[in-house]
Amino acid sequence: MHVKGLEISAYDCHAAPGMALAFSTSPPIGAHHKDAWLISWEVQRGGRFDYTREKVEKLVEMQNIRGGGLFETIVTCRFPWVEVGLELDWYFRLFKAATGMDMNMEVLNTINNRIYTLIRVFWIREYGHWDRTYDTPPAKWFKRPLSKGGPLKGAKLDYDGYQKMLSWYYELRGVGMRGGAYRGRIP
């Protein structure tokens, strides 16, 4: 199983629609948790099976921090934030100390939306088109419920719920999909 040619790292998303969306919309490399490790947020907040706009907003926020975001843009390690809880504000302070440039999340979000759009435009150039299927996880997660015992037995993704989340994602990223084809714009 894969998304955009990259095997799925670490998580079966039969019971994690937000993480499925994170894997499927990771433009640089396919299904990798580097861009957004949303499953921990989904499980901790108790909305694991929800298909909500709030979850999509959290995904975009996490991509802007983790993916083509803060850590990749200012070229720094994410582990002090992930592992020891270093506040994000410290990254901006250290960036200013090293470069003399002011940076904050508002500026960074604009930069990151441009990065995500440019990455997707690159793939459009390479493939010649882009449609929702490139941002949809493997059919198995929608069609074959989990069969092992335990509290998640029988879980599977809801296709319509997932597609609604994908539409919100495109809206939040400023991506147009006409006739099923990607129409990107650089914000």
N, C-alpha and C. Protein backbone atom coordinates (compact mmCIF):
# COMPACT_ATOMS: atom_id res chain seq x y z
N MET A 1 0.84 -1.18 0.00
CA MET A 1 0.00 0.00 0.00
C MET A 1 0.88 1.23 0.00
N HIS A 2 0.42 2.25 -0.71
CA HIS A 2 1.21 3.46 -0.83
C HIS A 2 0.30 4.65 -1.12
N VAL A 3 0.87 5.83 -0.98
CA VAL A 3 0.26 7.08 -1.44
C VAL A 3 1.33 7.80 -2.23
N LYS A 4 1.02 8.17 -3.45
CA LYS A 4 1.96 8.87 -4.33
C LYS A 4 3.28 8.10 -4.48
N GLY A 5 3.21 6.78 -4.41
CA GLY A 5 4.38 5.95 -4.62
C GLY A 5 5.23 5.67 -3.40
N LEU A 6 4.91 6.28 -2.27
CA LEU A 6 5.67 6.02 -1.04
C LEU A 6 4.85 5.13 -0.12
N GLU A 7 5.49 4.06 0.33
CA GLU A 7 4.79 3.17 1.26
C GLU A 7 4.38 3.94 2.51
N ILE A 8 3.31 3.49 3.13
CA ILE A 8 2.73 4.19 4.28
C ILE A 8 3.57 3.90 5.52
N SER A 9 4.01 4.97 6.17
CA SER A 9 4.88 4.81 7.33
C SER A 9 4.07 4.71 8.62
N ALA A 10 4.27 3.64 9.33
CA ALA A 10 3.87 3.49 10.73
C ALA A 10 2.40 3.26 11.04
N TYR A 11 1.44 3.90 10.38
CA TYR A 11 0.07 3.89 10.88
C TYR A 11 -0.93 3.37 9.85
N ASP A 12 -1.75 2.42 10.30
CA ASP A 12 -2.90 1.98 9.52
C ASP A 12 -4.02 2.94 9.87
N CYS A 13 -4.61 3.57 8.88
CA CYS A 13 -5.56 4.65 9.15
C CYS A 13 -7.02 4.26 8.96
N HIS A 14 -7.34 2.98 9.10
CA HIS A 14 -8.74 2.57 9.06
C HIS A 14 -9.57 3.38 10.07
N ALA A 15 -8.95 3.71 11.19
CA ALA A 15 -9.65 4.39 12.28
C ALA A 15 -9.02 5.74 12.61
N ALA A 16 -8.46 6.40 11.62
CA ALA A 16 -7.82 7.70 11.83
C ALA A 16 -7.96 8.55 10.56
N PRO A 17 -9.14 9.13 10.32
CA PRO A 17 -9.34 9.88 9.08
C PRO A 17 -8.43 11.09 8.93
N GLY A 18 -8.09 11.75 10.01
CA GLY A 18 -7.19 12.90 9.93
C GLY A 18 -5.79 12.49 9.51
N MET A 19 -5.29 11.39 10.05
CA MET A 19 -3.97 10.90 9.66
C MET A 19 -4.00 10.41 8.22
N ALA A 20 -5.10 9.81 7.80
CA ALA A 20 -5.25 9.39 6.40
C ALA A 20 -5.15 10.61 5.48
N LEU A 21 -5.77 11.71 5.88
CA LEU A 21 -5.70 12.95 5.11
C LEU A 21 -4.27 13.51 5.12
N ALA A 22 -3.61 13.41 6.26
CA ALA A 22 -2.22 13.88 6.36
C ALA A 22 -1.32 13.09 5.40
N PHE A 23 -1.44 11.76 5.42
CA PHE A 23 -0.66 10.93 4.51
C PHE A 23 -0.96 11.29 3.05
N SER A 24 -2.22 11.46 2.74
CA SER A 24 -2.64 11.62 1.34
C SER A 24 -2.35 12.99 0.77
N THR A 25 -2.23 14.00 1.61
CA THR A 25 -1.97 15.35 1.10
C THR A 25 -0.53 15.78 1.29
N SER A 26 0.31 14.87 1.72
CA SER A 26 1.72 15.19 1.88
C SER A 26 2.36 15.27 0.49
N PRO A 27 2.51 16.49 -0.04
CA PRO A 27 2.95 16.58 -1.43
C PRO A 27 4.41 16.25 -1.70
N PRO A 28 5.32 16.52 -0.77
CA PRO A 28 6.71 16.33 -1.15
C PRO A 28 7.11 14.88 -1.34
N ILE A 29 6.56 13.99 -0.51
CA ILE A 29 7.09 12.63 -0.51
C ILE A 29 6.04 11.55 -0.42
N GLY A 30 4.78 11.86 -0.38
CA GLY A 30 3.77 10.83 -0.22
C GLY A 30 3.47 10.55 1.23
N ALA A 31 3.08 9.33 1.53
CA ALA A 31 2.54 8.97 2.84
C ALA A 31 3.61 8.91 3.93
N HIS A 32 3.94 10.05 4.45
CA HIS A 32 4.94 10.08 5.52
C HIS A 32 4.47 10.99 6.64
N HIS A 33 4.77 10.60 7.88
CA HIS A 33 4.33 11.36 9.05
C HIS A 33 5.18 12.61 9.30
N LYS A 34 6.23 12.81 8.53
CA LYS A 34 7.08 13.98 8.71
C LYS A 34 6.29 15.28 8.58
N ASP A 35 5.36 15.32 7.63
CA ASP A 35 4.62 16.55 7.38
C ASP A 35 3.59 16.86 8.45
N ALA A 36 2.96 15.86 8.97
CA ALA A 36 1.93 16.10 9.99
C ALA A 36 1.64 14.81 10.75
N TRP A 37 2.03 14.78 11.97
CA TRP A 37 1.79 13.60 12.81
C TRP A 37 0.47 13.82 13.52
N LEU A 38 -0.62 13.80 12.77
CA LEU A 38 -1.94 14.16 13.28
C LEU A 38 -2.56 13.08 14.15
N ILE A 39 -2.13 11.84 14.00
CA ILE A 39 -2.77 10.75 14.73
C ILE A 39 -2.70 10.94 16.24
N SER A 40 -1.60 11.49 16.75
CA SER A 40 -1.51 11.70 18.20
C SER A 40 -2.56 12.70 18.66
N TRP A 41 -2.76 13.76 17.89
CA TRP A 41 -3.78 14.76 18.22
C TRP A 41 -5.17 14.14 18.12
N GLU A 42 -5.41 13.33 17.10
CA GLU A 42 -6.73 12.69 16.93
C GLU A 42 -7.07 11.79 18.12
N VAL A 43 -6.11 10.98 18.52
CA VAL A 43 -6.36 10.03 19.61
C VAL A 43 -6.47 10.76 20.94
N GLN A 44 -5.60 11.72 21.22
CA GLN A 44 -5.60 12.41 22.51
C GLN A 44 -6.84 13.25 22.74
N ARG A 45 -7.37 13.87 21.72
CA ARG A 45 -8.52 14.75 21.92
C ARG A 45 -9.84 13.98 21.91
N GLY A 46 -9.81 12.69 21.60
CA GLY A 46 -11.01 11.88 21.67
C GLY A 46 -11.91 11.94 20.45
N GLY A 47 -11.48 12.57 19.38
CA GLY A 47 -12.30 12.67 18.17
C GLY A 47 -11.75 11.82 17.05
N ARG A 48 -11.24 10.69 17.40
CA ARG A 48 -10.55 9.84 16.44
C ARG A 48 -11.39 9.53 15.20
N PHE A 49 -12.67 9.30 15.34
CA PHE A 49 -13.51 8.88 14.22
C PHE A 49 -14.26 10.05 13.57
N ASP A 50 -13.98 11.28 13.99
CA ASP A 50 -14.69 12.45 13.47
C ASP A 50 -14.14 12.88 12.12
N TYR A 51 -15.03 13.44 11.32
CA TYR A 51 -14.67 14.03 10.02
C TYR A 51 -15.04 15.50 10.11
N THR A 52 -14.17 16.30 10.73
CA THR A 52 -14.53 17.68 11.03
C THR A 52 -13.58 18.67 10.36
N ARG A 53 -14.09 19.88 10.18
CA ARG A 53 -13.27 20.96 9.65
C ARG A 53 -12.15 21.30 10.64
N GLU A 54 -12.45 21.21 11.94
CA GLU A 54 -11.44 21.48 12.97
C GLU A 54 -10.23 20.58 12.77
N LYS A 55 -10.47 19.32 12.44
CA LYS A 55 -9.38 18.37 12.22
C LYS A 55 -8.55 18.78 11.00
N VAL A 56 -9.21 19.25 9.96
CA VAL A 56 -8.51 19.69 8.76
C VAL A 56 -7.69 20.96 9.06
N GLU A 57 -8.27 21.87 9.83
CA GLU A 57 -7.54 23.08 10.23
C GLU A 57 -6.29 22.72 11.02
N LYS A 58 -6.41 21.73 11.90
CA LYS A 58 -5.25 21.27 12.68
C LYS A 58 -4.19 20.66 11.76
N LEU A 59 -4.64 19.92 10.76
CA LEU A 59 -3.70 19.32 9.81
C LEU A 59 -2.90 20.41 9.09
N VAL A 60 -3.58 21.43 8.57
CA VAL A 60 -2.88 22.51 7.87
C VAL A 60 -1.92 23.21 8.82
N GLU A 61 -2.36 23.45 10.06
CA GLU A 61 -1.47 24.06 11.06
C GLU A 61 -0.24 23.21 11.27
N MET A 62 -0.42 21.90 11.42
CA MET A 62 0.73 21.01 11.65
C MET A 62 1.63 20.93 10.42
N GLN A 63 1.05 20.92 9.22
CA GLN A 63 1.88 20.93 8.02
C GLN A 63 2.70 22.21 7.94
N ASN A 64 2.10 23.32 8.36
CA ASN A 64 2.82 24.59 8.34
C ASN A 64 3.95 24.64 9.37
N ILE A 65 3.86 23.83 10.37
CA ILE A 65 4.93 23.75 11.36
C ILE A 65 5.93 22.65 10.98
N ARG A 66 5.43 21.47 10.69
CA ARG A 66 6.29 20.30 10.51
C ARG A 66 6.77 20.07 9.08
N GLY A 67 5.88 20.19 8.11
CA GLY A 67 6.18 19.77 6.74
C GLY A 67 7.07 20.75 6.02
N GLY A 68 6.50 21.40 4.99
CA GLY A 68 7.25 22.42 4.28
C GLY A 68 7.30 23.67 5.12
N GLY A 69 7.02 23.52 6.39
CA GLY A 69 6.81 24.63 7.29
C GLY A 69 8.03 25.13 8.02
N LEU A 70 7.80 25.48 9.25
CA LEU A 70 8.80 26.12 10.10
C LEU A 70 10.15 25.43 10.02
N PHE A 71 10.18 24.14 10.31
CA PHE A 71 11.45 23.43 10.44
C PHE A 71 12.20 23.32 9.12
N GLU A 72 11.46 23.12 8.03
CA GLU A 72 12.11 23.02 6.73
C GLU A 72 12.48 24.41 6.20
N THR A 73 11.65 25.41 6.45
CA THR A 73 11.88 26.75 5.91
C THR A 73 13.09 27.42 6.56
N ILE A 74 13.19 27.32 7.87
CA ILE A 74 14.35 27.95 8.52
C ILE A 74 15.48 26.95 8.77
N VAL A 75 15.32 25.75 8.26
CA VAL A 75 16.32 24.69 8.28
C VAL A 75 16.83 24.45 9.71
N THR A 76 15.95 23.85 10.49
CA THR A 76 16.29 23.54 11.87
C THR A 76 15.66 22.20 12.27
N CYS A 77 16.08 21.68 13.37
CA CYS A 77 15.61 20.39 13.86
C CYS A 77 14.29 20.53 14.60
N ARG A 78 13.39 19.61 14.35
CA ARG A 78 12.09 19.62 15.02
C ARG A 78 12.12 18.92 16.38
N PHE A 79 13.15 18.17 16.68
CA PHE A 79 13.14 17.37 17.90
C PHE A 79 13.06 18.16 19.21
N PRO A 80 13.69 19.32 19.33
CA PRO A 80 13.50 20.06 20.59
C PRO A 80 12.03 20.40 20.84
N TRP A 81 11.27 20.67 19.79
CA TRP A 81 9.84 20.95 19.93
C TRP A 81 9.07 19.67 20.21
N VAL A 82 9.34 18.61 19.44
CA VAL A 82 8.62 17.35 19.55
C VAL A 82 8.96 16.63 20.86
N GLU A 83 10.24 16.49 21.14
CA GLU A 83 10.68 15.64 22.24
C GLU A 83 10.72 16.33 23.61
N VAL A 84 11.09 17.60 23.65
CA VAL A 84 11.22 18.24 24.96
C VAL A 84 10.27 19.41 25.15
N GLY A 85 9.44 19.69 24.15
CA GLY A 85 8.42 20.72 24.31
C GLY A 85 8.92 22.15 24.22
N LEU A 86 10.03 22.38 23.51
CA LEU A 86 10.50 23.74 23.30
C LEU A 86 9.41 24.53 22.58
N GLU A 87 9.05 25.67 23.12
CA GLU A 87 7.99 26.48 22.52
C GLU A 87 8.44 27.00 21.15
N LEU A 88 7.50 27.04 20.22
CA LEU A 88 7.82 27.47 18.86
C LEU A 88 8.41 28.87 18.81
N ASP A 89 8.00 29.73 19.74
CA ASP A 89 8.50 31.10 19.77
C ASP A 89 10.02 31.14 19.85
N TRP A 90 10.62 30.14 20.50
CA TRP A 90 12.09 30.11 20.60
C TRP A 90 12.74 29.97 19.23
N TYR A 91 12.11 29.24 18.35
CA TYR A 91 12.68 29.09 17.00
C TYR A 91 12.74 30.44 16.30
N PHE A 92 11.70 31.24 16.47
CA PHE A 92 11.68 32.56 15.84
C PHE A 92 12.74 33.48 16.47
N ARG A 93 12.90 33.39 17.78
CA ARG A 93 13.92 34.19 18.45
C ARG A 93 15.32 33.81 17.99
N LEU A 94 15.56 32.51 17.90
CA LEU A 94 16.87 32.04 17.48
C LEU A 94 17.13 32.37 16.01
N PHE A 95 16.09 32.29 15.19
CA PHE A 95 16.22 32.65 13.78
C PHE A 95 16.61 34.13 13.64
N LYS A 96 15.97 34.98 14.44
CA LYS A 96 16.30 36.41 14.41
C LYS A 96 17.73 36.65 14.89
N ALA A 97 18.13 35.93 15.94
CA ALA A 97 19.49 36.09 16.45
C ALA A 97 20.53 35.69 15.40
N ALA A 98 20.20 34.66 14.61
CA ALA A 98 21.15 34.18 13.60
C ALA A 98 21.14 35.00 12.32
N THR A 99 19.97 35.55 11.95
CA THR A 99 19.84 36.20 10.65
C THR A 99 19.53 37.69 10.72
N GLY A 100 19.01 38.15 11.85
CA GLY A 100 18.56 39.53 11.98
C GLY A 100 17.18 39.75 11.40
N MET A 101 16.55 38.69 10.89
CA MET A 101 15.24 38.80 10.25
C MET A 101 14.13 38.43 11.23
N ASP A 102 13.06 39.22 11.21
CA ASP A 102 11.89 38.89 12.02
C ASP A 102 11.05 37.85 11.29
N MET A 103 10.58 36.87 12.04
CA MET A 103 9.74 35.82 11.48
C MET A 103 8.69 35.50 12.53
N ASN A 104 7.48 35.22 12.10
CA ASN A 104 6.43 34.76 13.01
C ASN A 104 5.53 33.80 12.25
N MET A 105 4.56 33.21 12.92
CA MET A 105 3.71 32.20 12.27
C MET A 105 2.88 32.78 11.14
N GLU A 106 2.47 34.03 11.25
CA GLU A 106 1.66 34.63 10.18
C GLU A 106 2.48 34.71 8.88
N VAL A 107 3.68 35.22 8.98
CA VAL A 107 4.56 35.30 7.80
C VAL A 107 4.88 33.89 7.30
N LEU A 108 5.18 33.02 8.23
CA LEU A 108 5.53 31.65 7.88
C LEU A 108 4.37 30.92 7.19
N ASN A 109 3.14 31.15 7.64
CA ASN A 109 1.99 30.50 7.00
C ASN A 109 1.86 30.92 5.54
N THR A 110 2.10 32.18 5.24
CA THR A 110 2.07 32.64 3.85
C THR A 110 3.16 31.93 3.04
N ILE A 111 4.35 31.87 3.60
CA ILE A 111 5.46 31.19 2.93
C ILE A 111 5.13 29.72 2.72
N ASN A 112 4.59 29.08 3.75
CA ASN A 112 4.31 27.64 3.66
C ASN A 112 3.21 27.32 2.66
N ASN A 113 2.18 28.16 2.59
CA ASN A 113 1.14 27.93 1.58
C ASN A 113 1.75 28.02 0.18
N ARG A 114 2.68 28.93 -0.01
CA ARG A 114 3.35 29.04 -1.31
C ARG A 114 4.21 27.80 -1.58
N ILE A 115 4.92 27.33 -0.57
CA ILE A 115 5.74 26.14 -0.73
C ILE A 115 4.88 24.95 -1.12
N TYR A 116 3.78 24.73 -0.39
CA TYR A 116 2.91 23.60 -0.70
C TYR A 116 2.34 23.70 -2.12
N THR A 117 1.96 24.91 -2.51
CA THR A 117 1.43 25.10 -3.86
C THR A 117 2.50 24.82 -4.91
N LEU A 118 3.71 25.31 -4.71
CA LEU A 118 4.78 25.09 -5.68
C LEU A 118 5.15 23.61 -5.79
N ILE A 119 5.14 22.90 -4.68
CA ILE A 119 5.43 21.46 -4.72
C ILE A 119 4.37 20.75 -5.55
N ARG A 120 3.11 21.11 -5.31
CA ARG A 120 2.03 20.47 -6.06
C ARG A 120 2.09 20.85 -7.54
N VAL A 121 2.44 22.09 -7.85
CA VAL A 121 2.58 22.51 -9.24
C VAL A 121 3.71 21.73 -9.92
N PHE A 122 4.77 21.47 -9.19
CA PHE A 122 5.85 20.63 -9.73
C PHE A 122 5.31 19.27 -10.16
N TRP A 123 4.52 18.65 -9.27
CA TRP A 123 4.00 17.32 -9.59
C TRP A 123 3.01 17.37 -10.75
N ILE A 124 2.27 18.45 -10.87
CA ILE A 124 1.38 18.61 -12.03
C ILE A 124 2.22 18.65 -13.30
N ARG A 125 3.31 19.39 -13.26
CA ARG A 125 4.20 19.44 -14.42
C ARG A 125 4.71 18.05 -14.77
N GLU A 126 5.06 17.26 -13.75
CA GLU A 126 5.62 15.93 -14.00
C GLU A 126 4.57 14.94 -14.49
N TYR A 127 3.35 15.00 -13.93
CA TYR A 127 2.29 14.05 -14.30
C TYR A 127 1.37 14.58 -15.39
N GLY A 128 1.33 15.88 -15.59
CA GLY A 128 0.47 16.45 -16.60
C GLY A 128 -0.92 16.79 -16.11
N HIS A 129 -1.28 16.32 -14.96
CA HIS A 129 -2.59 16.64 -14.36
C HIS A 129 -2.53 16.24 -12.88
N TRP A 130 -3.56 16.62 -12.17
CA TRP A 130 -3.66 16.23 -10.76
C TRP A 130 -5.15 16.18 -10.45
N ASP A 131 -5.58 15.14 -9.80
CA ASP A 131 -6.98 15.09 -9.40
C ASP A 131 -7.08 14.54 -7.98
N ARG A 132 -8.30 14.45 -7.49
CA ARG A 132 -8.52 14.07 -6.10
C ARG A 132 -7.99 12.67 -5.77
N THR A 133 -7.86 11.82 -6.76
CA THR A 133 -7.37 10.47 -6.49
C THR A 133 -5.94 10.49 -5.97
N TYR A 134 -5.14 11.48 -6.37
CA TYR A 134 -3.78 11.59 -5.86
C TYR A 134 -3.77 11.94 -4.37
N ASP A 135 -4.84 12.51 -3.88
CA ASP A 135 -4.94 12.92 -2.48
C ASP A 135 -5.92 12.04 -1.69
N THR A 136 -6.13 10.83 -2.17
CA THR A 136 -7.04 9.89 -1.51
C THR A 136 -6.24 8.65 -1.13
N PRO A 137 -6.43 8.16 0.09
CA PRO A 137 -5.65 7.00 0.55
C PRO A 137 -6.10 5.71 -0.15
N PRO A 138 -5.41 4.61 0.11
CA PRO A 138 -5.74 3.34 -0.52
C PRO A 138 -7.19 2.92 -0.28
N ALA A 139 -7.80 2.34 -1.30
CA ALA A 139 -9.21 1.92 -1.24
C ALA A 139 -9.46 0.93 -0.09
N LYS A 140 -8.46 0.16 0.27
CA LYS A 140 -8.59 -0.83 1.34
C LYS A 140 -9.12 -0.19 2.63
N TRP A 141 -8.67 1.03 2.93
CA TRP A 141 -9.09 1.67 4.17
C TRP A 141 -10.57 2.03 4.15
N PHE A 142 -11.15 2.14 2.98
CA PHE A 142 -12.58 2.45 2.86
C PHE A 142 -13.43 1.18 2.73
N LYS A 143 -12.86 0.13 2.13
CA LYS A 143 -13.66 -1.03 1.75
C LYS A 143 -13.51 -2.24 2.67
N ARG A 144 -12.35 -2.44 3.25
CA ARG A 144 -12.12 -3.63 4.07
C ARG A 144 -11.93 -3.23 5.53
N PRO A 145 -12.94 -3.48 6.36
CA PRO A 145 -12.81 -3.11 7.77
C PRO A 145 -11.71 -3.92 8.46
N LEU A 146 -11.21 -3.36 9.54
CA LEU A 146 -10.23 -4.08 10.35
C LEU A 146 -10.88 -5.37 10.84
N SER A 147 -10.13 -6.46 10.73
CA SER A 147 -10.72 -7.75 11.08
C SER A 147 -10.19 -8.32 12.38
N LYS A 148 -9.11 -7.81 12.88
CA LYS A 148 -8.56 -8.32 14.14
C LYS A 148 -9.44 -7.86 15.30
N GLY A 149 -9.35 -8.56 16.41
CA GLY A 149 -10.14 -8.22 17.57
C GLY A 149 -9.71 -6.91 18.20
N GLY A 150 -10.41 -6.51 19.23
CA GLY A 150 -10.07 -5.28 19.93
C GLY A 150 -11.07 -4.18 19.67
N PRO A 151 -10.85 -3.04 20.28
CA PRO A 151 -11.84 -1.96 20.20
C PRO A 151 -12.01 -1.36 18.79
N LEU A 152 -11.05 -1.57 17.90
CA LEU A 152 -11.14 -1.00 16.56
C LEU A 152 -11.62 -2.00 15.51
N LYS A 153 -11.96 -3.20 15.94
CA LYS A 153 -12.45 -4.22 15.01
C LYS A 153 -13.66 -3.66 14.25
N GLY A 154 -13.63 -3.83 12.93
CA GLY A 154 -14.72 -3.36 12.08
C GLY A 154 -14.57 -1.93 11.60
N ALA A 155 -13.54 -1.22 12.09
CA ALA A 155 -13.36 0.18 11.70
C ALA A 155 -12.91 0.28 10.24
N LYS A 156 -13.42 1.30 9.57
CA LYS A 156 -12.97 1.66 8.23
C LYS A 156 -13.30 3.12 8.00
N LEU A 157 -12.62 3.72 7.03
CA LEU A 157 -12.87 5.12 6.71
C LEU A 157 -14.19 5.27 5.96
N ASP A 158 -14.85 6.38 6.20
CA ASP A 158 -16.06 6.74 5.47
C ASP A 158 -15.64 7.58 4.25
N TYR A 159 -15.93 7.08 3.06
CA TYR A 159 -15.47 7.76 1.84
C TYR A 159 -16.03 9.17 1.73
N ASP A 160 -17.33 9.34 1.95
CA ASP A 160 -17.94 10.66 1.83
C ASP A 160 -17.39 11.63 2.88
N GLY A 161 -17.20 11.13 4.11
CA GLY A 161 -16.61 11.97 5.16
C GLY A 161 -15.20 12.39 4.80
N TYR A 162 -14.44 11.46 4.25
CA TYR A 162 -13.07 11.78 3.85
C TYR A 162 -13.06 12.83 2.73
N GLN A 163 -13.92 12.65 1.75
CA GLN A 163 -13.96 13.60 0.63
C GLN A 163 -14.38 14.99 1.10
N LYS A 164 -15.24 15.07 2.10
CA LYS A 164 -15.62 16.37 2.66
C LYS A 164 -14.40 17.03 3.31
N MET A 165 -13.63 16.23 4.06
CA MET A 165 -12.41 16.76 4.67
C MET A 165 -11.42 17.22 3.59
N LEU A 166 -11.31 16.46 2.51
CA LEU A 166 -10.41 16.83 1.43
C LEU A 166 -10.85 18.16 0.79
N SER A 167 -12.14 18.35 0.63
CA SER A 167 -12.64 19.62 0.09
C SER A 167 -12.30 20.79 1.02
N TRP A 168 -12.46 20.58 2.33
CA TRP A 168 -12.07 21.63 3.28
C TRP A 168 -10.58 21.91 3.19
N TYR A 169 -9.80 20.85 3.03
CA TYR A 169 -8.35 21.00 2.90
C TYR A 169 -8.02 21.89 1.70
N TYR A 170 -8.62 21.59 0.57
CA TYR A 170 -8.37 22.40 -0.64
C TYR A 170 -8.79 23.85 -0.41
N GLU A 171 -9.91 24.03 0.25
CA GLU A 171 -10.39 25.40 0.55
C GLU A 171 -9.38 26.14 1.43
N LEU A 172 -8.91 25.50 2.49
CA LEU A 172 -7.97 26.14 3.41
C LEU A 172 -6.62 26.42 2.75
N ARG A 173 -6.21 25.57 1.85
CA ARG A 173 -4.94 25.74 1.16
C ARG A 173 -5.05 26.69 -0.04
N GLY A 174 -6.31 27.06 -0.39
CA GLY A 174 -6.50 27.94 -1.54
C GLY A 174 -6.34 27.22 -2.86
N VAL A 175 -6.72 25.95 -2.86
CA VAL A 175 -6.58 25.12 -4.05
C VAL A 175 -7.94 24.97 -4.70
N GLY A 176 -8.00 25.18 -5.99
CA GLY A 176 -9.24 24.97 -6.74
C GLY A 176 -9.21 23.63 -7.44
N MET A 177 -10.31 22.93 -7.41
CA MET A 177 -10.43 21.67 -8.15
C MET A 177 -11.62 21.82 -9.09
N ARG A 178 -11.35 21.98 -10.38
CA ARG A 178 -12.42 22.12 -11.37
C ARG A 178 -12.45 20.86 -12.22
N GLY A 179 -13.63 20.26 -12.30
CA GLY A 179 -13.74 19.05 -13.10
C GLY A 179 -12.86 17.93 -12.58
N GLY A 180 -12.56 17.96 -11.28
CA GLY A 180 -11.72 16.94 -10.67
C GLY A 180 -10.22 17.19 -10.85
N ALA A 181 -9.85 18.23 -11.62
CA ALA A 181 -8.44 18.52 -11.86
C ALA A 181 -7.96 19.67 -10.99
N TYR A 182 -6.71 19.61 -10.60
CA TYR A 182 -6.11 20.60 -9.73
C TYR A 182 -5.88 21.91 -10.47
N ARG A 183 -6.27 23.00 -9.84
CA ARG A 183 -5.99 24.34 -10.35
C ARG A 183 -5.38 25.13 -9.21
N GLY A 184 -4.06 25.08 -9.12
CA GLY A 184 -3.37 25.74 -8.01
C GLY A 184 -3.19 27.23 -8.26
N ARG A 185 -3.09 27.97 -7.20
CA ARG A 185 -2.73 29.37 -7.27
C ARG A 185 -1.76 29.65 -6.15
N ILE A 186 -0.85 30.52 -6.38
CA ILE A 186 0.11 30.87 -5.35
C ILE A 186 -0.44 32.04 -4.58
N PRO A 187 -0.74 31.84 -3.26
CA PRO A 187 -1.32 32.92 -2.46
C PRO A 187 -0.38 34.09 -2.30
